Structures are given as structure tokens and as C-alpha cells.
Amino acid sequence: MRRKKATAAEKPPKATKAPKAKQTPRPEGGRVHVYSLDGDVVKSVDLPPIFQGDVRSDLIRRAVTAAQANRRQPYGSAFRSGLSHSVRWSGKGHGVSRVPRLRGSMTGAQAPGTVGGRRAHPPRPDKVWAKKINEKERRMARNAALAALKESEIVAARGHHFKEELSLPVIVEDGLETLEPEGGATREGVKILDRLGVLSDVERAKEGRHVRAGRGKMRGRRYRQPRSLLVVVKDPKKVRRLFGNLPGVEVVSPAGLNAEVLAPGGDPGRLAVFSEGALEVLRSWQP
């Protein structure tokens, strides 16, 4: 049997799409938006002159390498390691290889390649790992790393996740530093990051945590943790309650900024969140 066609009165009404929220475009000409703790745009401000420099990847890499090398501790084996044996060499003409042997046997000892013997080229505790870098180079590297924070293409190429319409670096009103959460501090911090549109980067860092390859997993550094947000505020002690337990997130003051914090591993373009007060501190810095 044929089904009757529904009349106009019997047809269900079409579902109407909810209107999209109006997105505020990114400002241009060295300006950035200031966001409230709810993620709304409050106003726009000019970035300090220190953000207007060139992104010198070579200087950033040099400064980060020097910082890592200067923290490295020399190590090596004991002076007589592998040599505590009573051995002899039988001399030439006996048809055996010239390897020191334990007395009374043909078991090799002491020589590299024998059980319990010394290493051929061991690490030396007197080796100098430190690398010199001029103070002006270190300062220029820090300024170059700061300049990379505002380039959304560089930040995205580094692997960070954020909303496309966000102006970088993300500037938040000073209420972030005086906030007194009623419930859990970390739970409140997650809500703030979600409203700002950068919580997906914290989730990326959480999912990227994995067991380290190699012997380092047995030496107190079992896991590798990707870096996520850098939160710069005037009083890190208070704000660390909000974000300190989130994976990959670092909370520092303007005085703690350097090339290694701004560009971990020597790769510029870290996703950063500044408070208004911390941004004003940078206005007095020389570019």
C-alpha cells in the first residue's frame, strides 16, 4: 500500500541552528587582546618593545645549549677501576695473544674486552663540559625567544594547541593573581584555561607523557613529559596553586624568564600566558 504524503500541517518543523558566537578578530600592529578570567575580550593593549625584535633561532639554540652544558656534572670511573688483578704476560713466542693473564691460568684480565677489565675510552671526571656565552648574546637570545611568543605560526609549528582567534601571547587581567578559589584550586585553574581556549594544549601534554627509552628510565628519570603552557605572573607562589599540578605547565615571574624557559630544547614559540602586571614589568626591559 502506498503511504500518504504528509501535508504541510503534519510536517514537523525544521530544526533551526543556533547562531554562532561572534569571534573577535586578532588585533594587528603589535597589539594584543586582554582577556578576562571568563575568556571575554576586555580591551586591547600594545606589546612592549622587547617583543618587536627578530626571532634569532641560532642565538636561542646557542643559549639553551650553553645553559644545559653548564648544568652538566662531570663523571668518570675510579682511577684504578678494572686494574685490581694479579696478572702477567707470558711474553712473545708462546703462540697466544698478548693479553695479560691471571697468574696460574690462561684467563685474560685487565685489558679492554676481558671480563672485569678496564674500559678502552672511559668518561673522564676532569673533562670540562661548560660552554661560554657572552652576556649580550644571552640577553639577545632571551629577547628573540620573547619575540617568537607572538607569532602564531611559530607557536603552532612547535606543536601547541590553541584557539585560532586567540591573540598571542595570551594576556589575562590581574585578577588571576588575586583569585581565591572556593573549591579545589587546580579545578578552578582548569576552568580558567578552558575559557581562555588553551586547555587542549594541557591535554596534549598529558597524553604525550611516556616511558623514556634507554637506561635513563632506571636512573630516576623514567618518564618524558612534553612542555605545555608558560604562565608568567608577578607573584608565582599564589598562581602556582592553580596551575602547578597540571602536566607540562610552568609558572614563573618575569625575572625568571630566559631562553631555556621560553624555548625549551632550543625550539622557539612556546605558548605563553601573561598577566597584565607581568606584561607591564617587561616594558622597562631594553630590546
C-alpha atoms as a PDB file:
ATOM      1  CA  MET A   1       0.000   0.000   0.000  1.00  0.00           C
ATOM      2  CA  ARG A   2       1.160   3.496  -0.793  1.00  0.00           C
ATOM      3  CA  ARG A   3       1.836   5.794   2.117  1.00  0.00           C
ATOM      4  CA  LYS A   4       0.083   9.129   2.109  1.00  0.00           C
ATOM      5  CA  LYS A   5       2.264  12.189   1.727  1.00  0.00           C
ATOM      6  CA  ALA A   6       2.327  14.344   4.817  1.00  0.00           C
ATOM      7  CA  THR A   7       0.564  17.637   4.417  1.00  0.00           C
ATOM      8  CA  ALA A   8       2.133  20.941   5.332  1.00  0.00           C
ATOM      9  CA  ALA A   9       0.264  20.964   8.612  1.00  0.00           C
ATOM     10  CA  GLU A  10       1.518  17.476   9.516  1.00  0.00           C
ATOM     11  CA  LYS A  11       5.217  18.066   8.632  1.00  0.00           C
ATOM     12  CA  PRO A  12       7.474  18.562  11.677  1.00  0.00           C
ATOM     13  CA  PRO A  13       9.088  21.983  11.906  1.00  0.00           C
ATOM     14  CA  LYS A  14      12.689  22.232  10.722  1.00  0.00           C
ATOM     15  CA  ALA A  15      15.325  22.477  13.397  1.00  0.00           C
ATOM     16  CA  THR A  16      16.907  25.903  13.459  1.00  0.00           C
ATOM     17  CA  LYS A  17      20.652  26.232  14.008  1.00  0.00           C
ATOM     18  CA  ALA A  18      21.799  28.244  16.986  1.00  0.00           C
ATOM     19  CA  PRO A  19      23.552  31.451  15.934  1.00  0.00           C
ATOM     20  CA  LYS A  20      27.341  31.256  16.133  1.00  0.00           C
ATOM     21  CA  ALA A  21      29.051  33.345  18.751  1.00  0.00           C
ATOM     22  CA  LYS A  22      30.738  36.368  17.265  1.00  0.00           C
ATOM     23  CA  GLN A  23      34.509  35.888  17.235  1.00  0.00           C
ATOM     24  CA  THR A  24      36.726  38.865  17.951  1.00  0.00           C
ATOM     25  CA  PRO A  25      39.436  39.090  15.283  1.00  0.00           C
ATOM     26  CA  ARG A  26      43.071  39.302  16.248  1.00  0.00           C
ATOM     27  CA  PRO A  27      44.371  42.849  16.570  1.00  0.00           C
ATOM     28  CA  GLU A  28      47.195  43.969  14.312  1.00  0.00           C
ATOM     29  CA  GLY A  29      50.121  46.347  14.536  1.00  0.00           C
ATOM     30  CA  GLY A  30      51.761  44.925  17.657  1.00  0.00           C
ATOM     31  CA  ARG A  31      48.570  44.928  19.754  1.00  0.00           C
ATOM     32  CA  VAL A  32      47.028  42.057  21.716  1.00  0.00           C
ATOM     33  CA  HIS A  33      43.734  41.449  23.453  1.00  0.00           C
ATOM     34  CA  VAL A  34      43.411  41.391  27.235  1.00  0.00           C
ATOM     35  CA  TYR A  35      41.105  38.588  28.340  1.00  0.00           C
ATOM     36  CA  SER A  36      39.040  38.291  31.488  1.00  0.00           C
ATOM     37  CA  LEU A  37      39.008  35.119  33.579  1.00  0.00           C
ATOM     38  CA  ASP A  38      35.800  34.185  31.720  1.00  0.00           C
ATOM     39  CA  GLY A  39      37.586  34.336  28.349  1.00  0.00           C
ATOM     40  CA  ASP A  40      35.961  37.582  27.172  1.00  0.00           C
ATOM     41  CA  VAL A  41      37.939  40.350  25.484  1.00  0.00           C
ATOM     42  CA  VAL A  42      38.215  43.296  27.876  1.00  0.00           C
ATOM     43  CA  LYS A  43      40.456  45.628  25.862  1.00  0.00           C
ATOM     44  CA  SER A  44      43.496  45.749  23.598  1.00  0.00           C
ATOM     45  CA  VAL A  45      46.997  46.902  24.554  1.00  0.00           C
ATOM     46  CA  ASP A  46      50.329  47.401  22.820  1.00  0.00           C
ATOM     47  CA  LEU A  47      53.025  44.820  23.341  1.00  0.00           C
ATOM     48  CA  PRO A  48      56.260  46.066  24.975  1.00  0.00           C
ATOM     49  CA  PRO A  49      59.077  46.966  22.546  1.00  0.00           C
ATOM     50  CA  ILE A  50      61.016  43.874  23.621  1.00  0.00           C
ATOM     51  CA  PHE A  51      58.537  41.744  21.634  1.00  0.00           C
ATOM     52  CA  GLN A  52      59.308  43.542  18.372  1.00  0.00           C
ATOM     53  CA  GLY A  53      62.794  42.118  17.779  1.00  0.00           C
ATOM     54  CA  ASP A  54      63.917  39.461  15.300  1.00  0.00           C
ATOM     55  CA  VAL A  55      63.487  35.746  16.010  1.00  0.00           C
ATOM     56  CA  ARG A  56      67.119  34.565  16.035  1.00  0.00           C
ATOM     57  CA  SER A  57      66.876  30.769  16.191  1.00  0.00           C
ATOM     58  CA  ASP A  58      70.666  30.434  16.094  1.00  0.00           C
ATOM     59  CA  LEU A  59      71.148  32.561  19.216  1.00  0.00           C
ATOM     60  CA  ILE A  60      68.311  30.796  21.034  1.00  0.00           C
ATOM     61  CA  ARG A  61      69.809  27.380  20.295  1.00  0.00           C
ATOM     62  CA  ARG A  62      73.258  28.557  21.407  1.00  0.00           C
ATOM     63  CA  ALA A  63      71.980  29.964  24.715  1.00  0.00           C
ATOM     64  CA  VAL A  64      69.920  26.858  25.532  1.00  0.00           C
ATOM     65  CA  THR A  65      72.816  24.524  24.702  1.00  0.00           C
ATOM     66  CA  ALA A  66      75.144  26.549  26.926  1.00  0.00           C
ATOM     67  CA  ALA A  67      72.656  26.513  29.825  1.00  0.00           C
ATOM     68  CA  GLN A  68      72.286  22.737  29.594  1.00  0.00           C
ATOM     69  CA  ALA A  69      76.041  22.197  29.308  1.00  0.00           C
ATOM     70  CA  ASN A  70      76.794  24.406  32.322  1.00  0.00           C
ATOM     71  CA  ARG A  71      74.441  22.318  34.480  1.00  0.00           C
ATOM     72  CA  ARG A  72      76.054  19.062  33.462  1.00  0.00           C
ATOM     73  CA  GLN A  73      78.086  17.318  36.147  1.00  0.00           C
ATOM     74  CA  PRO A  74      81.310  15.540  35.095  1.00  0.00           C
ATOM     75  CA  TYR A  75      81.577  11.873  35.980  1.00  0.00           C
ATOM     76  CA  GLY A  76      84.013   9.038  35.438  1.00  0.00           C
ATOM     77  CA  SER A  77      85.295   5.737  36.748  1.00  0.00           C
ATOM     78  CA  ALA A  78      87.783   5.332  39.606  1.00  0.00           C
ATOM     79  CA  PHE A  79      91.450   5.791  38.778  1.00  0.00           C
ATOM     80  CA  ARG A  80      92.311   2.069  39.320  1.00  0.00           C
ATOM     81  CA  SER A  81      88.980   0.736  38.033  1.00  0.00           C
ATOM     82  CA  GLY A  82      89.420  -2.616  36.244  1.00  0.00           C
ATOM     83  CA  LEU A  83      93.098  -2.917  37.219  1.00  0.00           C
ATOM     84  CA  SER A  84      92.783  -4.767  40.554  1.00  0.00           C
ATOM     85  CA  HIS A  85      94.169  -8.083  39.281  1.00  0.00           C
ATOM     86  CA  SER A  86      97.397 -10.020  39.670  1.00  0.00           C
ATOM     87  CA  VAL A  87      98.303 -10.628  36.022  1.00  0.00           C
ATOM     88  CA  ARG A  88     101.317 -11.438  33.935  1.00  0.00           C
ATOM     89  CA  TRP A  89     102.226 -11.588  30.272  1.00  0.00           C
ATOM     90  CA  SER A  90     103.898 -14.765  29.153  1.00  0.00           C
ATOM     91  CA  GLY A  91     105.940 -12.968  26.528  1.00  0.00           C
ATOM     92  CA  LYS A  92     106.407 -13.481  22.822  1.00  0.00           C
ATOM     93  CA  GLY A  93     106.819 -16.792  21.084  1.00  0.00           C
ATOM     94  CA  HIS A  94     104.237 -18.808  23.014  1.00  0.00           C
ATOM     95  CA  GLY A  95     101.556 -18.801  20.342  1.00  0.00           C
ATOM     96  CA  VAL A  96      98.989 -16.855  22.392  1.00  0.00           C
ATOM     97  CA  SER A  97      97.689 -13.328  22.082  1.00  0.00           C
ATOM     98  CA  ARG A  98      99.381 -10.587  24.043  1.00  0.00           C
ATOM     99  CA  VAL A  99      96.698 -10.229  26.704  1.00  0.00           C
ATOM    100  CA  PRO A 100      97.529 -10.044  30.430  1.00  0.00           C
ATOM    101  CA  ARG A 101      96.502 -13.312  32.102  1.00  0.00           C
ATOM    102  CA  LEU A 102      95.639 -14.143  35.662  1.00  0.00           C
ATOM    103  CA  ARG A 103      98.588 -15.831  37.292  1.00  0.00           C
ATOM    104  CA  GLY A 104      98.424 -19.607  37.010  1.00  0.00           C
ATOM    105  CA  SER A 105      95.727 -19.603  34.326  1.00  0.00           C
ATOM    106  CA  MET A 106      95.021 -18.531  30.770  1.00  0.00           C
ATOM    107  CA  THR A 107      92.094 -16.281  31.773  1.00  0.00           C
ATOM    108  CA  GLY A 108      92.519 -12.764  30.397  1.00  0.00           C
ATOM    109  CA  ALA A 109      92.113  -9.782  32.734  1.00  0.00           C
ATOM    110  CA  GLN A 110      92.681  -6.024  32.977  1.00  0.00           C
ATOM    111  CA  ALA A 111      92.781  -5.439  29.210  1.00  0.00           C
ATOM    112  CA  PRO A 112      89.704  -3.910  27.466  1.00  0.00           C
ATOM    113  CA  GLY A 113      87.456  -6.671  26.184  1.00  0.00           C
ATOM    114  CA  THR A 114      88.133  -9.025  29.097  1.00  0.00           C
ATOM    115  CA  VAL A 115      85.736  -9.760  31.940  1.00  0.00           C
ATOM    116  CA  GLY A 116      86.243  -7.232  34.735  1.00  0.00           C
ATOM    117  CA  GLY A 117      88.845  -5.316  32.730  1.00  0.00           C
ATOM    118  CA  ARG A 118      89.171  -1.572  32.246  1.00  0.00           C
ATOM    119  CA  ARG A 119      87.287   0.344  29.575  1.00  0.00           C
ATOM    120  CA  ALA A 120      89.130   1.432  26.464  1.00  0.00           C
ATOM    121  CA  HIS A 121      87.933   5.056  26.450  1.00  0.00           C
ATOM    122  CA  PRO A 122      86.029   5.726  29.693  1.00  0.00           C
ATOM    123  CA  PRO A 123      84.371   9.063  30.614  1.00  0.00           C
ATOM    124  CA  ARG A 124      86.806  11.283  32.484  1.00  0.00           C
ATOM    125  CA  PRO A 125      85.823  13.281  35.594  1.00  0.00           C
ATOM    126  CA  ASP A 126      88.262  16.054  34.665  1.00  0.00           C
ATOM    127  CA  LYS A 127      86.516  16.805  31.365  1.00  0.00           C
ATOM    128  CA  VAL A 128      85.133  20.355  31.142  1.00  0.00           C
ATOM    129  CA  TRP A 129      81.576  20.365  29.742  1.00  0.00           C
ATOM    130  CA  ALA A 130      80.869  24.068  30.275  1.00  0.00           C
ATOM    131  CA  LYS A 131      80.299  26.319  27.268  1.00  0.00           C
ATOM    132  CA  LYS A 132      80.952  30.047  27.282  1.00  0.00           C
ATOM    133  CA  ILE A 133      78.383  32.526  26.028  1.00  0.00           C
ATOM    134  CA  ASN A 134      78.574  36.308  26.237  1.00  0.00           C
ATOM    135  CA  GLU A 135      76.107  38.180  28.427  1.00  0.00           C
ATOM    136  CA  LYS A 136      74.925  40.230  25.436  1.00  0.00           C
ATOM    137  CA  GLU A 137      74.306  37.021  23.447  1.00  0.00           C
ATOM    138  CA  ARG A 138      72.339  35.536  26.331  1.00  0.00           C
ATOM    139  CA  ARG A 139      70.182  38.670  26.578  1.00  0.00           C
ATOM    140  CA  MET A 140      69.619  38.800  22.812  1.00  0.00           C
ATOM    141  CA  ALA A 141      68.605  35.123  22.848  1.00  0.00           C
ATOM    142  CA  ARG A 142      66.046  35.822  25.583  1.00  0.00           C
ATOM    143  CA  ASN A 143      64.632  38.770  23.625  1.00  0.00           C
ATOM    144  CA  ALA A 144      64.462  36.681  20.437  1.00  0.00           C
ATOM    145  CA  ALA A 145      62.577  33.951  22.317  1.00  0.00           C
ATOM    146  CA  LEU A 146      60.138  36.578  23.628  1.00  0.00           C
ATOM    147  CA  ALA A 147      59.580  37.876  20.090  1.00  0.00           C
ATOM    148  CA  ALA A 148      58.618  34.359  18.955  1.00  0.00           C
ATOM    149  CA  LEU A 149      55.778  34.171  21.514  1.00  0.00           C
ATOM    150  CA  LYS A 150      53.554  36.485  19.445  1.00  0.00           C
ATOM    151  CA  GLU A 151      53.947  34.553  16.162  1.00  0.00           C
ATOM    152  CA  SER A 152      51.010  32.126  15.963  1.00  0.00           C
ATOM    153  CA  GLU A 153      52.622  30.220  13.053  1.00  0.00           C
ATOM    154  CA  ILE A 154      55.785  29.519  15.072  1.00  0.00           C
ATOM    155  CA  VAL A 155      53.759  28.535  18.162  1.00  0.00           C
ATOM    156  CA  ALA A 156      51.574  26.167  16.133  1.00  0.00           C
ATOM    157  CA  ALA A 157      54.620  24.695  14.361  1.00  0.00           C
ATOM    158  CA  ARG A 158      56.071  23.832  17.771  1.00  0.00           C
ATOM    159  CA  GLY A 159      53.031  21.605  18.342  1.00  0.00           C
ATOM    160  CA  HIS A 160      50.936  23.707  20.729  1.00  0.00           C
ATOM    161  CA  HIS A 161      47.131  23.600  20.566  1.00  0.00           C
ATOM    162  CA  PHE A 162      45.038  26.776  20.983  1.00  0.00           C
ATOM    163  CA  LYS A 163      42.014  28.537  19.514  1.00  0.00           C
ATOM    164  CA  GLU A 164      42.681  30.172  16.155  1.00  0.00           C
ATOM    165  CA  GLU A 165      41.184  33.527  17.119  1.00  0.00           C
ATOM    166  CA  LEU A 166      43.433  33.945  20.195  1.00  0.00           C
ATOM    167  CA  SER A 167      45.939  36.785  20.139  1.00  0.00           C
ATOM    168  CA  LEU A 168      49.367  35.639  21.284  1.00  0.00           C
ATOM    169  CA  PRO A 169      50.816  35.836  23.831  1.00  0.00           C
ATOM    170  CA  VAL A 170      47.612  35.402  25.848  1.00  0.00           C
ATOM    171  CA  ILE A 171      47.214  38.371  28.235  1.00  0.00           C
ATOM    172  CA  VAL A 172      44.907  37.913  31.241  1.00  0.00           C
ATOM    173  CA  GLU A 173      43.670  40.577  33.635  1.00  0.00           C
ATOM    174  CA  ASP A 174      45.378  40.913  37.028  1.00  0.00           C
ATOM    175  CA  GLY A 175      42.502  39.174  38.794  1.00  0.00           C
ATOM    176  CA  LEU A 176      44.368  35.951  38.010  1.00  0.00           C
ATOM    177  CA  GLU A 177      46.944  36.772  40.690  1.00  0.00           C
ATOM    178  CA  THR A 178      44.430  37.700  43.409  1.00  0.00           C
ATOM    179  CA  LEU A 179      41.952  34.887  42.754  1.00  0.00           C
ATOM    180  CA  GLU A 180      40.911  32.914  45.840  1.00  0.00           C
ATOM    181  CA  PRO A 181      39.254  29.689  44.618  1.00  0.00           C
ATOM    182  CA  GLU A 182      36.358  28.450  46.717  1.00  0.00           C
ATOM    183  CA  GLY A 183      36.823  24.757  45.913  1.00  0.00           C
ATOM    184  CA  GLY A 184      39.851  22.946  44.506  1.00  0.00           C
ATOM    185  CA  ALA A 185      42.498  25.322  43.173  1.00  0.00           C
ATOM    186  CA  THR A 186      43.553  23.057  40.302  1.00  0.00           C
ATOM    187  CA  ARG A 187      39.927  22.528  39.298  1.00  0.00           C
ATOM    188  CA  GLU A 188      39.461  26.291  39.122  1.00  0.00           C
ATOM    189  CA  GLY A 189      42.663  26.634  37.089  1.00  0.00           C
ATOM    190  CA  VAL A 190      41.393  24.085  34.560  1.00  0.00           C
ATOM    191  CA  LYS A 191      38.160  26.080  34.163  1.00  0.00           C
ATOM    192  CA  ILE A 192      40.113  29.289  33.502  1.00  0.00           C
ATOM    193  CA  LEU A 193      42.286  27.638  30.856  1.00  0.00           C
ATOM    194  CA  ASP A 194      39.195  26.141  29.225  1.00  0.00           C
ATOM    195  CA  ARG A 195      37.540  29.566  28.974  1.00  0.00           C
ATOM    196  CA  LEU A 196      40.712  31.056  27.509  1.00  0.00           C
ATOM    197  CA  GLY A 197      40.891  28.316  24.858  1.00  0.00           C
ATOM    198  CA  VAL A 198      44.271  26.766  25.786  1.00  0.00           C
ATOM    199  CA  LEU A 199      43.185  23.725  27.807  1.00  0.00           C
ATOM    200  CA  SER A 200      43.654  21.450  24.781  1.00  0.00           C
ATOM    201  CA  ASP A 201      47.405  22.070  24.977  1.00  0.00           C
ATOM    202  CA  VAL A 202      47.498  20.798  28.561  1.00  0.00           C
ATOM    203  CA  GLU A 203      45.609  17.685  27.441  1.00  0.00           C
ATOM    204  CA  ARG A 204      48.164  17.216  24.641  1.00  0.00           C
ATOM    205  CA  ALA A 205      50.982  17.303  27.205  1.00  0.00           C
ATOM    206  CA  LYS A 206      49.143  14.840  29.435  1.00  0.00           C
ATOM    207  CA  GLU A 207      48.632  12.341  26.610  1.00  0.00           C
ATOM    208  CA  GLY A 208      52.251  12.714  25.461  1.00  0.00           C
ATOM    209  CA  ARG A 209      53.798  11.521  28.739  1.00  0.00           C
ATOM    210  CA  HIS A 210      55.632   8.269  28.065  1.00  0.00           C
ATOM    211  CA  VAL A 211      58.354   5.996  29.406  1.00  0.00           C
ATOM    212  CA  ARG A 212      61.806   7.123  28.390  1.00  0.00           C
ATOM    213  CA  ALA A 213      63.799   4.940  26.011  1.00  0.00           C
ATOM    214  CA  GLY A 214      67.188   3.703  27.182  1.00  0.00           C
ATOM    215  CA  ARG A 215      68.854   3.287  30.548  1.00  0.00           C
ATOM    216  CA  GLY A 216      67.686   6.662  31.815  1.00  0.00           C
ATOM    217  CA  LYS A 217      64.416   5.032  32.874  1.00  0.00           C
ATOM    218  CA  MET A 218      66.382   3.225  35.613  1.00  0.00           C
ATOM    219  CA  ARG A 219      68.162   6.363  36.833  1.00  0.00           C
ATOM    220  CA  GLY A 220      65.430   8.493  38.321  1.00  0.00           C
ATOM    221  CA  ARG A 221      64.071   9.898  35.049  1.00  0.00           C
ATOM    222  CA  ARG A 222      61.657   7.210  33.947  1.00  0.00           C
ATOM    223  CA  TYR A 223      59.167   9.445  32.117  1.00  0.00           C
ATOM    224  CA  ARG A 224      59.440  12.118  29.442  1.00  0.00           C
ATOM    225  CA  GLN A 225      56.917  14.939  29.829  1.00  0.00           C
ATOM    226  CA  PRO A 226      56.125  17.329  26.935  1.00  0.00           C
ATOM    227  CA  ARG A 227      56.163  21.049  27.761  1.00  0.00           C
ATOM    228  CA  SER A 228      52.881  22.917  27.744  1.00  0.00           C
ATOM    229  CA  LEU A 229      51.888  26.421  28.870  1.00  0.00           C
ATOM    230  CA  LEU A 230      54.243  29.006  30.320  1.00  0.00           C
ATOM    231  CA  VAL A 231      52.381  31.204  32.808  1.00  0.00           C
ATOM    232  CA  VAL A 232      54.187  34.472  33.642  1.00  0.00           C
ATOM    233  CA  VAL A 233      52.883  36.416  36.669  1.00  0.00           C
ATOM    234  CA  LYS A 234      54.306  38.831  39.229  1.00  0.00           C
ATOM    235  CA  ASP A 235      53.615  36.505  42.177  1.00  0.00           C
ATOM    236  CA  PRO A 236      54.146  32.880  41.075  1.00  0.00           C
ATOM    237  CA  LYS A 237      53.589  31.485  44.563  1.00  0.00           C
ATOM    238  CA  LYS A 238      49.854  32.241  44.541  1.00  0.00           C
ATOM    239  CA  VAL A 239      49.195  31.310  40.919  1.00  0.00           C
ATOM    240  CA  ARG A 240      51.136  28.055  41.232  1.00  0.00           C
ATOM    241  CA  ARG A 241      48.237  26.745  43.313  1.00  0.00           C
ATOM    242  CA  LEU A 242      46.044  26.999  40.199  1.00  0.00           C
ATOM    243  CA  PHE A 243      48.341  25.588  37.522  1.00  0.00           C
ATOM    244  CA  GLY A 244      51.328  23.997  39.274  1.00  0.00           C
ATOM    245  CA  ASN A 245      49.894  20.455  39.203  1.00  0.00           C
ATOM    246  CA  LEU A 246      48.909  20.491  35.523  1.00  0.00           C
ATOM    247  CA  PRO A 247      51.198  18.418  33.246  1.00  0.00           C
ATOM    248  CA  GLY A 248      53.790  20.425  31.351  1.00  0.00           C
ATOM    249  CA  VAL A 249      52.752  23.809  32.814  1.00  0.00           C
ATOM    250  CA  GLU A 250      55.361  26.153  34.327  1.00  0.00           C
ATOM    251  CA  VAL A 251      54.645  29.257  36.419  1.00  0.00           C
ATOM    252  CA  VAL A 252      57.438  31.852  36.607  1.00  0.00           C
ATOM    253  CA  SER A 253      57.944  35.542  37.336  1.00  0.00           C
ATOM    254  CA  PRO A 254      59.335  37.989  34.747  1.00  0.00           C
ATOM    255  CA  ALA A 255      62.734  37.759  36.472  1.00  0.00           C
ATOM    256  CA  GLY A 256      62.796  34.000  35.805  1.00  0.00           C
ATOM    257  CA  LEU A 257      62.482  34.357  32.024  1.00  0.00           C
ATOM    258  CA  ASN A 258      65.389  33.079  29.955  1.00  0.00           C
ATOM    259  CA  ALA A 259      65.913  31.387  26.601  1.00  0.00           C
ATOM    260  CA  GLU A 260      65.590  27.889  28.067  1.00  0.00           C
ATOM    261  CA  VAL A 261      62.228  28.606  29.739  1.00  0.00           C
ATOM    262  CA  LEU A 262      60.844  30.475  26.721  1.00  0.00           C
ATOM    263  CA  ALA A 263      62.160  27.972  24.139  1.00  0.00           C
ATOM    264  CA  PRO A 264      62.615  24.517  25.724  1.00  0.00           C
ATOM    265  CA  GLY A 265      65.066  22.398  23.776  1.00  0.00           C
ATOM    266  CA  GLY A 266      66.100  25.430  21.723  1.00  0.00           C
ATOM    267  CA  ASP A 267      62.842  25.490  19.706  1.00  0.00           C
ATOM    268  CA  PRO A 268      61.219  28.979  19.864  1.00  0.00           C
ATOM    269  CA  GLY A 269      57.491  29.618  20.071  1.00  0.00           C
ATOM    270  CA  ARG A 270      56.191  28.365  23.418  1.00  0.00           C
ATOM    271  CA  LEU A 271      52.538  29.007  24.200  1.00  0.00           C
ATOM    272  CA  ALA A 272      52.580  31.659  26.945  1.00  0.00           C
ATOM    273  CA  VAL A 273      50.029  33.315  29.240  1.00  0.00           C
ATOM    274  CA  PHE A 274      50.936  36.683  30.824  1.00  0.00           C
ATOM    275  CA  SER A 275      49.135  38.627  33.492  1.00  0.00           C
ATOM    276  CA  GLU A 276      48.704  42.341  32.833  1.00  0.00           C
ATOM    277  CA  GLY A 277      51.073  43.200  35.663  1.00  0.00           C
ATOM    278  CA  ALA A 278      53.797  40.887  34.358  1.00  0.00           C
ATOM    279  CA  LEU A 279      53.459  42.432  30.894  1.00  0.00           C
ATOM    280  CA  GLU A 280      53.929  45.915  32.363  1.00  0.00           C
ATOM    281  CA  VAL A 281      57.173  44.773  34.009  1.00  0.00           C
ATOM    282  CA  LEU A 282      58.575  43.904  30.567  1.00  0.00           C
ATOM    283  CA  ARG A 283      58.011  47.466  29.328  1.00  0.00           C
ATOM    284  CA  SER A 284      61.073  48.592  31.254  1.00  0.00           C
ATOM    285  CA  TRP A 285      63.353  45.993  29.616  1.00  0.00           C
ATOM    286  CA  GLN A 286      65.765  47.070  26.924  1.00  0.00           C
ATOM    287  CA  PRO A 287      65.078  45.448  23.494  1.00  0.00           C
END
